[in-house]
Amino acid sequence: MLIAFNKPYGVLCQFTDRSTPPRRTLADFALPADVYPAGRLDYDSEGLLLLTDDGALAHRLTDPRHKQPKTYWVQVEGEPRDEQLAALRNGVELNDGMTRPAQAQRVETPAIWPRDPPVRFRKTVPDAWLALTISEGRNRQVRRMTAAVGLPTLRLVRVTVGPYRLDALAPGEWRHL
């Protein structure tokens, strides 16, 4: 079984939380029994999360050797310059080493749901959206990459993992693939 889930902002990618007060988890969304996340999305990231009951499939989807491309829509602070996009395309030096080259381009504001809570708006600081595709999955990698080129991430929405797409799923909704 393979499930596509649109993980809302502020939800943990696990079924339990031991913190006080407890945070929202995957258990809050009536997902089928015995499925587990194939990969992670940060608490403050949104979008496509795949869940499966098939360990071999989960491994194929998440093991870096399989290089499954993942595409994100990234709202960044600032106006991206050509050299910043080129740096993302060539790979960025992070504290844990050089990233693989990414596909990076500026895109129009995507037609997606509003975030709750909204991203802070500042009249004096422009923002822009990028489509960024990576083939590795380091901890908070996209946020660290955009920050390293001078474009801090304001909002991060994963829209594809390999051949699987978020499509029209609303936050908190899921479907069988």
N, C-alpha and C. Protein backbone atom coordinates (compact mmCIF):
# COMPACT_ATOMS: atom_id res chain seq x y z
N MET A 1 0.85 -1.18 0.00
CA MET A 1 0.00 0.00 0.00
C MET A 1 0.89 1.23 0.00
N LEU A 2 0.52 2.22 -0.79
CA LEU A 2 1.25 3.48 -0.85
C LEU A 2 0.23 4.61 -0.77
N ILE A 3 0.47 5.54 0.13
CA ILE A 3 -0.43 6.65 0.40
C ILE A 3 0.29 7.96 0.12
N ALA A 4 -0.38 8.89 -0.55
CA ALA A 4 0.09 10.27 -0.68
C ALA A 4 -0.69 11.10 0.33
N PHE A 5 0.02 11.85 1.16
CA PHE A 5 -0.58 12.66 2.21
C PHE A 5 -0.05 14.09 2.07
N ASN A 6 -0.93 15.07 2.18
CA ASN A 6 -0.50 16.46 2.19
C ASN A 6 -0.33 16.88 3.65
N LYS A 7 0.94 16.84 4.11
CA LYS A 7 1.24 17.17 5.50
C LYS A 7 1.10 18.66 5.72
N PRO A 8 0.23 19.05 6.64
CA PRO A 8 0.10 20.48 6.94
C PRO A 8 1.31 21.01 7.71
N TYR A 9 1.45 22.32 7.69
CA TYR A 9 2.45 23.01 8.51
C TYR A 9 2.16 22.67 9.99
N GLY A 10 3.20 22.47 10.77
CA GLY A 10 3.03 22.26 12.20
C GLY A 10 2.57 20.87 12.59
N VAL A 11 2.91 19.87 11.78
CA VAL A 11 2.58 18.48 12.09
C VAL A 11 3.88 17.67 12.06
N LEU A 12 4.07 16.83 13.07
CA LEU A 12 5.24 15.95 13.11
C LEU A 12 5.05 14.78 12.14
N CYS A 13 6.13 14.33 11.54
CA CYS A 13 6.10 13.17 10.64
C CYS A 13 6.26 11.87 11.43
N GLN A 14 5.50 11.73 12.47
CA GLN A 14 5.46 10.51 13.26
C GLN A 14 4.08 10.42 13.89
N PHE A 15 3.79 9.27 14.48
CA PHE A 15 2.44 9.02 15.00
C PHE A 15 2.30 9.35 16.48
N THR A 16 3.41 9.57 17.18
CA THR A 16 3.34 9.91 18.60
C THR A 16 4.26 11.08 18.88
N ASP A 17 3.97 11.78 19.98
CA ASP A 17 4.82 12.89 20.41
C ASP A 17 4.85 12.89 21.93
N ARG A 18 6.04 12.91 22.48
CA ARG A 18 6.19 12.88 23.94
C ARG A 18 6.43 14.26 24.53
N SER A 19 6.39 15.30 23.70
CA SER A 19 6.67 16.64 24.23
C SER A 19 5.45 17.18 24.99
N THR A 20 5.71 18.20 25.79
CA THR A 20 4.65 18.85 26.56
C THR A 20 4.65 20.32 26.20
N PRO A 21 3.56 20.87 25.70
CA PRO A 21 2.34 20.15 25.34
C PRO A 21 2.56 19.35 24.06
N PRO A 22 1.78 18.29 23.86
CA PRO A 22 1.97 17.48 22.65
C PRO A 22 1.64 18.27 21.38
N ARG A 23 2.38 17.96 20.34
CA ARG A 23 2.16 18.59 19.04
C ARG A 23 1.30 17.68 18.17
N ARG A 24 0.77 18.24 17.08
CA ARG A 24 -0.02 17.43 16.15
C ARG A 24 0.90 16.42 15.47
N THR A 25 0.36 15.22 15.25
CA THR A 25 1.12 14.15 14.60
C THR A 25 0.28 13.53 13.49
N LEU A 26 0.85 12.56 12.81
CA LEU A 26 0.13 11.84 11.75
C LEU A 26 -1.09 11.10 12.29
N ALA A 27 -1.09 10.79 13.58
CA ALA A 27 -2.23 10.08 14.18
C ALA A 27 -3.51 10.91 14.15
N ASP A 28 -3.40 12.20 13.90
CA ASP A 28 -4.56 13.09 13.88
C ASP A 28 -5.32 13.08 12.56
N PHE A 29 -4.92 12.22 11.59
CA PHE A 29 -5.46 12.33 10.24
C PHE A 29 -6.12 11.07 9.69
N ALA A 30 -6.53 10.14 10.53
CA ALA A 30 -7.28 8.93 10.11
C ALA A 30 -6.62 8.22 8.93
N LEU A 31 -5.31 8.09 8.99
CA LEU A 31 -4.59 7.35 7.95
C LEU A 31 -4.81 5.86 8.14
N PRO A 32 -4.67 5.05 7.09
CA PRO A 32 -4.83 3.61 7.24
C PRO A 32 -3.85 3.05 8.28
N ALA A 33 -4.26 1.96 8.90
CA ALA A 33 -3.41 1.31 9.91
C ALA A 33 -2.15 0.74 9.26
N ASP A 34 -1.10 0.67 10.03
CA ASP A 34 0.15 0.01 9.64
C ASP A 34 0.89 0.65 8.48
N VAL A 35 0.69 1.94 8.23
CA VAL A 35 1.54 2.64 7.27
C VAL A 35 2.48 3.55 8.04
N TYR A 36 3.65 3.76 7.46
CA TYR A 36 4.68 4.57 8.10
C TYR A 36 5.29 5.49 7.05
N PRO A 37 5.80 6.64 7.48
CA PRO A 37 6.37 7.58 6.52
C PRO A 37 7.58 6.99 5.80
N ALA A 38 7.62 7.18 4.49
CA ALA A 38 8.79 6.86 3.68
C ALA A 38 9.53 8.18 3.49
N GLY A 39 10.35 8.53 4.46
CA GLY A 39 11.03 9.81 4.46
C GLY A 39 10.39 10.74 5.48
N ARG A 40 10.86 11.97 5.49
CA ARG A 40 10.42 12.95 6.48
C ARG A 40 10.16 14.28 5.81
N LEU A 41 9.36 15.07 6.48
CA LEU A 41 9.22 16.49 6.19
C LEU A 41 9.31 17.18 7.55
N ASP A 42 10.04 18.26 7.61
CA ASP A 42 10.18 18.98 8.87
C ASP A 42 8.83 19.44 9.41
N TYR A 43 8.77 19.67 10.69
CA TYR A 43 7.58 20.15 11.38
C TYR A 43 7.05 21.41 10.71
N ASP A 44 7.96 22.28 10.27
CA ASP A 44 7.54 23.55 9.68
C ASP A 44 7.53 23.54 8.15
N SER A 45 7.56 22.35 7.55
CA SER A 45 7.42 22.20 6.10
C SER A 45 6.08 21.55 5.80
N GLU A 46 5.64 21.70 4.56
CA GLU A 46 4.32 21.22 4.15
C GLU A 46 4.46 20.37 2.90
N GLY A 47 3.38 19.67 2.56
CA GLY A 47 3.31 19.05 1.26
C GLY A 47 3.37 17.55 1.27
N LEU A 48 3.84 16.99 0.16
CA LEU A 48 3.75 15.56 -0.11
C LEU A 48 4.61 14.73 0.84
N LEU A 49 3.94 13.85 1.54
CA LEU A 49 4.58 12.84 2.37
C LEU A 49 4.04 11.50 1.91
N LEU A 50 4.92 10.56 1.59
CA LEU A 50 4.49 9.23 1.20
C LEU A 50 4.53 8.33 2.42
N LEU A 51 3.49 7.50 2.56
CA LEU A 51 3.43 6.52 3.64
C LEU A 51 3.18 5.15 3.02
N THR A 52 3.77 4.13 3.60
CA THR A 52 3.62 2.78 3.05
C THR A 52 3.70 1.75 4.16
N ASP A 53 3.19 0.55 3.85
CA ASP A 53 3.35 -0.60 4.74
C ASP A 53 4.39 -1.56 4.17
N ASP A 54 5.08 -1.16 3.11
CA ASP A 54 6.05 -2.00 2.39
C ASP A 54 7.46 -1.48 2.66
N GLY A 55 8.20 -2.20 3.50
CA GLY A 55 9.54 -1.75 3.87
C GLY A 55 10.49 -1.64 2.70
N ALA A 56 10.41 -2.57 1.74
CA ALA A 56 11.29 -2.51 0.57
C ALA A 56 10.99 -1.27 -0.27
N LEU A 57 9.72 -0.95 -0.43
CA LEU A 57 9.33 0.26 -1.17
C LEU A 57 9.82 1.51 -0.43
N ALA A 58 9.64 1.54 0.86
CA ALA A 58 10.11 2.69 1.64
C ALA A 58 11.61 2.88 1.45
N HIS A 59 12.35 1.79 1.43
CA HIS A 59 13.80 1.85 1.23
C HIS A 59 14.13 2.42 -0.15
N ARG A 60 13.44 1.95 -1.19
CA ARG A 60 13.69 2.45 -2.55
C ARG A 60 13.37 3.95 -2.66
N LEU A 61 12.36 4.39 -1.94
CA LEU A 61 11.97 5.80 -2.00
C LEU A 61 12.91 6.72 -1.23
N THR A 62 13.57 6.19 -0.20
CA THR A 62 14.34 7.06 0.69
C THR A 62 15.85 6.86 0.63
N ASP A 63 16.34 5.72 0.17
CA ASP A 63 17.77 5.48 0.18
C ASP A 63 18.46 6.42 -0.81
N PRO A 64 19.48 7.16 -0.36
CA PRO A 64 20.15 8.12 -1.25
C PRO A 64 20.75 7.49 -2.51
N ARG A 65 21.06 6.19 -2.47
CA ARG A 65 21.63 5.54 -3.65
C ARG A 65 20.64 5.50 -4.81
N HIS A 66 19.34 5.59 -4.50
CA HIS A 66 18.33 5.56 -5.56
C HIS A 66 18.04 6.95 -6.13
N LYS A 67 18.57 7.98 -5.48
CA LYS A 67 18.51 9.36 -5.98
C LYS A 67 17.12 9.77 -6.47
N GLN A 68 16.08 9.50 -5.68
CA GLN A 68 14.74 9.93 -6.06
C GLN A 68 14.67 11.45 -6.04
N PRO A 69 14.35 12.08 -7.16
CA PRO A 69 14.26 13.54 -7.14
C PRO A 69 13.05 14.00 -6.33
N LYS A 70 13.25 15.06 -5.59
CA LYS A 70 12.18 15.67 -4.79
C LYS A 70 12.11 17.14 -5.18
N THR A 71 10.90 17.60 -5.53
CA THR A 71 10.73 18.99 -5.94
C THR A 71 9.97 19.75 -4.87
N TYR A 72 10.46 20.93 -4.59
CA TYR A 72 9.88 21.81 -3.56
C TYR A 72 9.55 23.16 -4.19
N TRP A 73 8.46 23.75 -3.74
CA TRP A 73 8.20 25.16 -3.98
C TRP A 73 8.69 25.88 -2.74
N VAL A 74 9.57 26.83 -2.92
CA VAL A 74 10.23 27.49 -1.81
C VAL A 74 9.99 28.99 -1.90
N GLN A 75 9.32 29.53 -0.91
CA GLN A 75 9.17 30.98 -0.82
C GLN A 75 10.38 31.49 -0.07
N VAL A 76 11.12 32.39 -0.71
CA VAL A 76 12.35 32.90 -0.11
C VAL A 76 12.25 34.39 0.12
N GLU A 77 13.03 34.86 1.06
CA GLU A 77 13.13 36.29 1.35
C GLU A 77 14.18 36.87 0.42
N GLY A 78 13.78 37.89 -0.33
CA GLY A 78 14.71 38.53 -1.25
C GLY A 78 14.36 38.24 -2.70
N GLU A 79 15.05 38.94 -3.60
CA GLU A 79 14.89 38.77 -5.04
C GLU A 79 16.05 37.90 -5.53
N PRO A 80 15.78 36.68 -5.99
CA PRO A 80 16.88 35.81 -6.45
C PRO A 80 17.63 36.42 -7.64
N ARG A 81 18.94 36.45 -7.52
CA ARG A 81 19.80 36.90 -8.61
C ARG A 81 20.31 35.68 -9.38
N ASP A 82 20.75 35.90 -10.60
CA ASP A 82 21.22 34.81 -11.45
C ASP A 82 22.34 34.02 -10.77
N GLU A 83 23.24 34.71 -10.09
CA GLU A 83 24.37 34.01 -9.47
C GLU A 83 23.92 33.15 -8.28
N GLN A 84 22.85 33.56 -7.59
CA GLN A 84 22.32 32.73 -6.50
C GLN A 84 21.69 31.46 -7.05
N LEU A 85 20.92 31.58 -8.13
CA LEU A 85 20.32 30.40 -8.76
C LEU A 85 21.41 29.49 -9.33
N ALA A 86 22.45 30.09 -9.91
CA ALA A 86 23.57 29.29 -10.44
C ALA A 86 24.26 28.52 -9.32
N ALA A 87 24.42 29.14 -8.17
CA ALA A 87 25.05 28.45 -7.04
C ALA A 87 24.22 27.24 -6.62
N LEU A 88 22.89 27.39 -6.56
CA LEU A 88 22.03 26.25 -6.22
C LEU A 88 22.16 25.15 -7.27
N ARG A 89 22.24 25.54 -8.54
CA ARG A 89 22.35 24.56 -9.64
C ARG A 89 23.69 23.82 -9.63
N ASN A 90 24.73 24.47 -9.11
CA ASN A 90 26.07 23.87 -9.11
C ASN A 90 26.37 23.08 -7.85
N GLY A 91 25.54 23.25 -6.81
CA GLY A 91 25.83 22.63 -5.52
C GLY A 91 26.32 23.69 -4.56
N VAL A 92 25.94 23.54 -3.31
CA VAL A 92 26.23 24.54 -2.28
C VAL A 92 27.04 23.88 -1.18
N GLU A 93 28.05 24.59 -0.71
CA GLU A 93 28.85 24.09 0.41
C GLU A 93 28.09 24.33 1.71
N LEU A 94 27.76 23.24 2.41
CA LEU A 94 27.10 23.31 3.71
C LEU A 94 28.08 22.82 4.77
N ASN A 95 27.72 22.92 6.04
CA ASN A 95 28.63 22.49 7.10
C ASN A 95 28.88 20.98 7.08
N ASP A 96 28.03 20.21 6.39
CA ASP A 96 28.25 18.76 6.28
C ASP A 96 28.69 18.37 4.87
N GLY A 97 29.24 19.32 4.11
CA GLY A 97 29.80 19.02 2.80
C GLY A 97 29.01 19.64 1.67
N MET A 98 29.50 19.41 0.47
CA MET A 98 28.92 19.97 -0.75
C MET A 98 27.64 19.20 -1.11
N THR A 99 26.60 19.94 -1.51
CA THR A 99 25.37 19.29 -1.97
C THR A 99 25.54 18.88 -3.42
N ARG A 100 24.72 17.95 -3.85
CA ARG A 100 24.67 17.63 -5.27
C ARG A 100 24.04 18.82 -6.00
N PRO A 101 24.34 18.96 -7.28
CA PRO A 101 23.68 20.02 -8.05
C PRO A 101 22.16 19.85 -7.99
N ALA A 102 21.46 20.98 -7.98
CA ALA A 102 20.00 20.98 -7.92
C ALA A 102 19.45 21.65 -9.18
N GLN A 103 18.21 21.39 -9.47
CA GLN A 103 17.51 22.18 -10.48
C GLN A 103 16.87 23.34 -9.72
N ALA A 104 17.08 24.55 -10.17
CA ALA A 104 16.56 25.72 -9.47
C ALA A 104 16.10 26.75 -10.48
N GLN A 105 14.88 27.21 -10.29
CA GLN A 105 14.39 28.28 -11.15
C GLN A 105 13.37 29.11 -10.39
N ARG A 106 13.27 30.34 -10.78
CA ARG A 106 12.25 31.21 -10.22
C ARG A 106 10.92 30.85 -10.87
N VAL A 107 9.83 30.85 -10.07
CA VAL A 107 8.49 30.55 -10.58
C VAL A 107 7.51 31.59 -10.07
N GLU A 108 6.38 31.69 -10.75
CA GLU A 108 5.31 32.54 -10.27
C GLU A 108 4.77 31.97 -8.95
N THR A 109 4.12 32.79 -8.16
CA THR A 109 3.53 32.34 -6.91
C THR A 109 2.57 31.19 -7.21
N PRO A 110 2.80 30.00 -6.62
CA PRO A 110 1.93 28.86 -6.93
C PRO A 110 0.53 29.05 -6.36
N ALA A 111 -0.44 28.45 -7.02
CA ALA A 111 -1.84 28.51 -6.56
C ALA A 111 -2.03 27.41 -5.52
N ILE A 112 -1.69 27.73 -4.28
CA ILE A 112 -1.81 26.76 -3.19
C ILE A 112 -2.59 27.38 -2.04
N TRP A 113 -2.88 26.57 -1.06
CA TRP A 113 -3.64 26.94 0.12
C TRP A 113 -2.87 27.98 0.94
N PRO A 114 -3.59 28.80 1.68
CA PRO A 114 -2.90 29.71 2.61
C PRO A 114 -2.33 28.92 3.77
N ARG A 115 -1.21 29.39 4.29
CA ARG A 115 -0.61 28.71 5.44
C ARG A 115 -1.23 29.24 6.72
N ASP A 116 -1.39 28.35 7.69
CA ASP A 116 -1.90 28.73 9.00
C ASP A 116 -0.88 28.29 10.04
N PRO A 117 -0.18 29.22 10.69
CA PRO A 117 -0.29 30.67 10.59
C PRO A 117 0.37 31.18 9.31
N PRO A 118 -0.04 32.38 8.86
CA PRO A 118 0.53 32.92 7.62
C PRO A 118 2.01 33.23 7.77
N VAL A 119 2.71 33.24 6.65
CA VAL A 119 4.10 33.67 6.62
C VAL A 119 4.11 35.17 6.91
N ARG A 120 5.06 35.60 7.72
CA ARG A 120 5.10 37.04 8.05
C ARG A 120 5.36 37.85 6.78
N PHE A 121 4.70 38.97 6.69
CA PHE A 121 4.82 39.85 5.53
C PHE A 121 5.53 41.12 5.97
N ARG A 122 6.53 41.53 5.18
CA ARG A 122 7.24 42.78 5.47
C ARG A 122 7.24 43.62 4.21
N LYS A 123 6.67 44.82 4.30
CA LYS A 123 6.55 45.71 3.14
C LYS A 123 7.90 46.04 2.52
N THR A 124 8.94 46.14 3.33
CA THR A 124 10.23 46.59 2.84
C THR A 124 11.13 45.46 2.34
N VAL A 125 10.71 44.21 2.51
CA VAL A 125 11.54 43.08 2.10
C VAL A 125 10.77 42.25 1.07
N PRO A 126 11.25 42.20 -0.18
CA PRO A 126 10.54 41.42 -1.19
C PRO A 126 10.70 39.92 -0.93
N ASP A 127 9.81 39.15 -1.51
CA ASP A 127 9.97 37.70 -1.47
C ASP A 127 9.70 37.16 -2.87
N ALA A 128 10.08 35.90 -3.08
CA ALA A 128 9.92 35.26 -4.38
C ALA A 128 9.76 33.77 -4.16
N TRP A 129 9.30 33.07 -5.20
CA TRP A 129 9.15 31.62 -5.16
C TRP A 129 10.13 30.96 -6.11
N LEU A 130 10.70 29.85 -5.65
CA LEU A 130 11.58 29.03 -6.46
C LEU A 130 10.98 27.63 -6.57
N ALA A 131 11.28 26.95 -7.67
CA ALA A 131 11.07 25.51 -7.76
C ALA A 131 12.47 24.92 -7.65
N LEU A 132 12.67 24.07 -6.64
CA LEU A 132 13.99 23.50 -6.37
C LEU A 132 13.86 21.99 -6.32
N THR A 133 14.62 21.29 -7.16
CA THR A 133 14.60 19.83 -7.20
C THR A 133 15.96 19.32 -6.76
N ILE A 134 15.94 18.46 -5.73
CA ILE A 134 17.18 17.86 -5.21
C ILE A 134 17.06 16.34 -5.30
N SER A 135 18.20 15.67 -5.23
CA SER A 135 18.19 14.20 -5.30
C SER A 135 18.88 13.59 -4.09
N GLU A 136 18.92 14.33 -3.01
CA GLU A 136 19.44 13.82 -1.74
C GLU A 136 18.53 14.36 -0.66
N GLY A 137 18.71 13.96 0.57
CA GLY A 137 17.78 14.37 1.60
C GLY A 137 18.43 14.61 2.94
N ARG A 138 19.36 15.53 2.99
CA ARG A 138 19.99 15.86 4.27
C ARG A 138 19.01 16.62 5.16
N ASN A 139 19.30 16.63 6.43
CA ASN A 139 18.46 17.32 7.40
C ASN A 139 18.33 18.80 7.03
N ARG A 140 17.10 19.25 6.85
CA ARG A 140 16.78 20.65 6.54
C ARG A 140 17.59 21.19 5.37
N GLN A 141 17.85 20.33 4.40
CA GLN A 141 18.75 20.66 3.30
C GLN A 141 18.31 21.85 2.48
N VAL A 142 17.05 21.90 2.05
CA VAL A 142 16.61 23.00 1.20
C VAL A 142 16.73 24.32 1.94
N ARG A 143 16.32 24.36 3.19
CA ARG A 143 16.44 25.59 3.98
C ARG A 143 17.90 26.02 4.11
N ARG A 144 18.78 25.07 4.33
CA ARG A 144 20.19 25.40 4.48
C ARG A 144 20.80 25.86 3.16
N MET A 145 20.36 25.25 2.05
CA MET A 145 20.88 25.65 0.74
C MET A 145 20.47 27.08 0.40
N THR A 146 19.19 27.39 0.57
CA THR A 146 18.75 28.74 0.21
C THR A 146 19.40 29.78 1.13
N ALA A 147 19.54 29.46 2.41
CA ALA A 147 20.21 30.39 3.34
C ALA A 147 21.67 30.59 2.93
N ALA A 148 22.34 29.54 2.48
CA ALA A 148 23.75 29.63 2.12
C ALA A 148 23.98 30.56 0.93
N VAL A 149 22.96 30.72 0.07
CA VAL A 149 23.12 31.64 -1.07
C VAL A 149 22.46 32.99 -0.80
N GLY A 150 22.04 33.23 0.45
CA GLY A 150 21.51 34.53 0.83
C GLY A 150 20.02 34.70 0.59
N LEU A 151 19.28 33.59 0.51
CA LEU A 151 17.83 33.63 0.30
C LEU A 151 17.14 32.79 1.38
N PRO A 152 16.94 33.34 2.57
CA PRO A 152 16.32 32.54 3.64
C PRO A 152 14.93 32.05 3.24
N THR A 153 14.63 30.81 3.60
CA THR A 153 13.33 30.21 3.30
C THR A 153 12.26 30.73 4.25
N LEU A 154 11.14 31.15 3.68
CA LEU A 154 9.97 31.57 4.45
C LEU A 154 8.92 30.46 4.50
N ARG A 155 8.76 29.72 3.40
CA ARG A 155 7.77 28.65 3.32
C ARG A 155 8.32 27.58 2.40
N LEU A 156 8.06 26.31 2.76
CA LEU A 156 8.60 25.18 2.00
C LEU A 156 7.50 24.15 1.81
N VAL A 157 7.20 23.85 0.54
CA VAL A 157 6.13 22.90 0.19
C VAL A 157 6.70 21.87 -0.77
N ARG A 158 6.72 20.59 -0.35
CA ARG A 158 7.19 19.53 -1.26
C ARG A 158 6.04 19.13 -2.18
N VAL A 159 6.30 19.10 -3.48
CA VAL A 159 5.25 18.79 -4.45
C VAL A 159 5.44 17.49 -5.19
N THR A 160 6.68 16.95 -5.23
CA THR A 160 6.89 15.64 -5.85
C THR A 160 7.96 14.87 -5.09
N VAL A 161 7.83 13.54 -5.16
CA VAL A 161 8.87 12.60 -4.73
C VAL A 161 8.93 11.55 -5.82
N GLY A 162 10.05 11.50 -6.56
CA GLY A 162 10.13 10.57 -7.68
C GLY A 162 8.96 10.83 -8.63
N PRO A 163 8.23 9.78 -8.99
CA PRO A 163 7.11 9.95 -9.93
C PRO A 163 5.81 10.38 -9.25
N TYR A 164 5.81 10.51 -7.95
CA TYR A 164 4.57 10.79 -7.21
C TYR A 164 4.40 12.28 -6.99
N ARG A 165 3.15 12.75 -7.19
CA ARG A 165 2.85 14.19 -7.14
C ARG A 165 1.79 14.49 -6.08
N LEU A 166 1.88 15.69 -5.54
CA LEU A 166 0.89 16.15 -4.57
C LEU A 166 -0.46 16.39 -5.24
N ASP A 167 -0.43 16.94 -6.45
CA ASP A 167 -1.64 17.28 -7.20
C ASP A 167 -2.58 18.13 -6.36
N ALA A 168 -3.86 17.80 -6.32
CA ALA A 168 -4.86 18.69 -5.71
C ALA A 168 -5.21 18.32 -4.27
N LEU A 169 -4.38 17.54 -3.60
CA LEU A 169 -4.68 17.20 -2.21
C LEU A 169 -4.62 18.45 -1.34
N ALA A 170 -5.65 18.66 -0.54
CA ALA A 170 -5.64 19.77 0.41
C ALA A 170 -4.86 19.35 1.66
N PRO A 171 -4.39 20.31 2.44
CA PRO A 171 -3.66 19.95 3.66
C PRO A 171 -4.50 19.01 4.54
N GLY A 172 -3.86 17.93 4.99
CA GLY A 172 -4.55 16.95 5.85
C GLY A 172 -5.25 15.86 5.08
N GLU A 173 -5.37 15.97 3.76
CA GLU A 173 -6.02 14.93 2.94
C GLU A 173 -4.99 13.92 2.46
N TRP A 174 -5.48 12.72 2.15
CA TRP A 174 -4.61 11.66 1.63
C TRP A 174 -5.38 10.85 0.60
N ARG A 175 -4.61 10.11 -0.20
CA ARG A 175 -5.19 9.22 -1.20
C ARG A 175 -4.28 8.01 -1.42
N HIS A 176 -4.89 6.90 -1.86
CA HIS A 176 -4.11 5.72 -2.24
C HIS A 176 -3.46 5.97 -3.59
N LEU A 177 -2.25 5.51 -3.74
CA LEU A 177 -1.55 5.60 -5.02
C LEU A 177 -1.51 4.22 -5.68
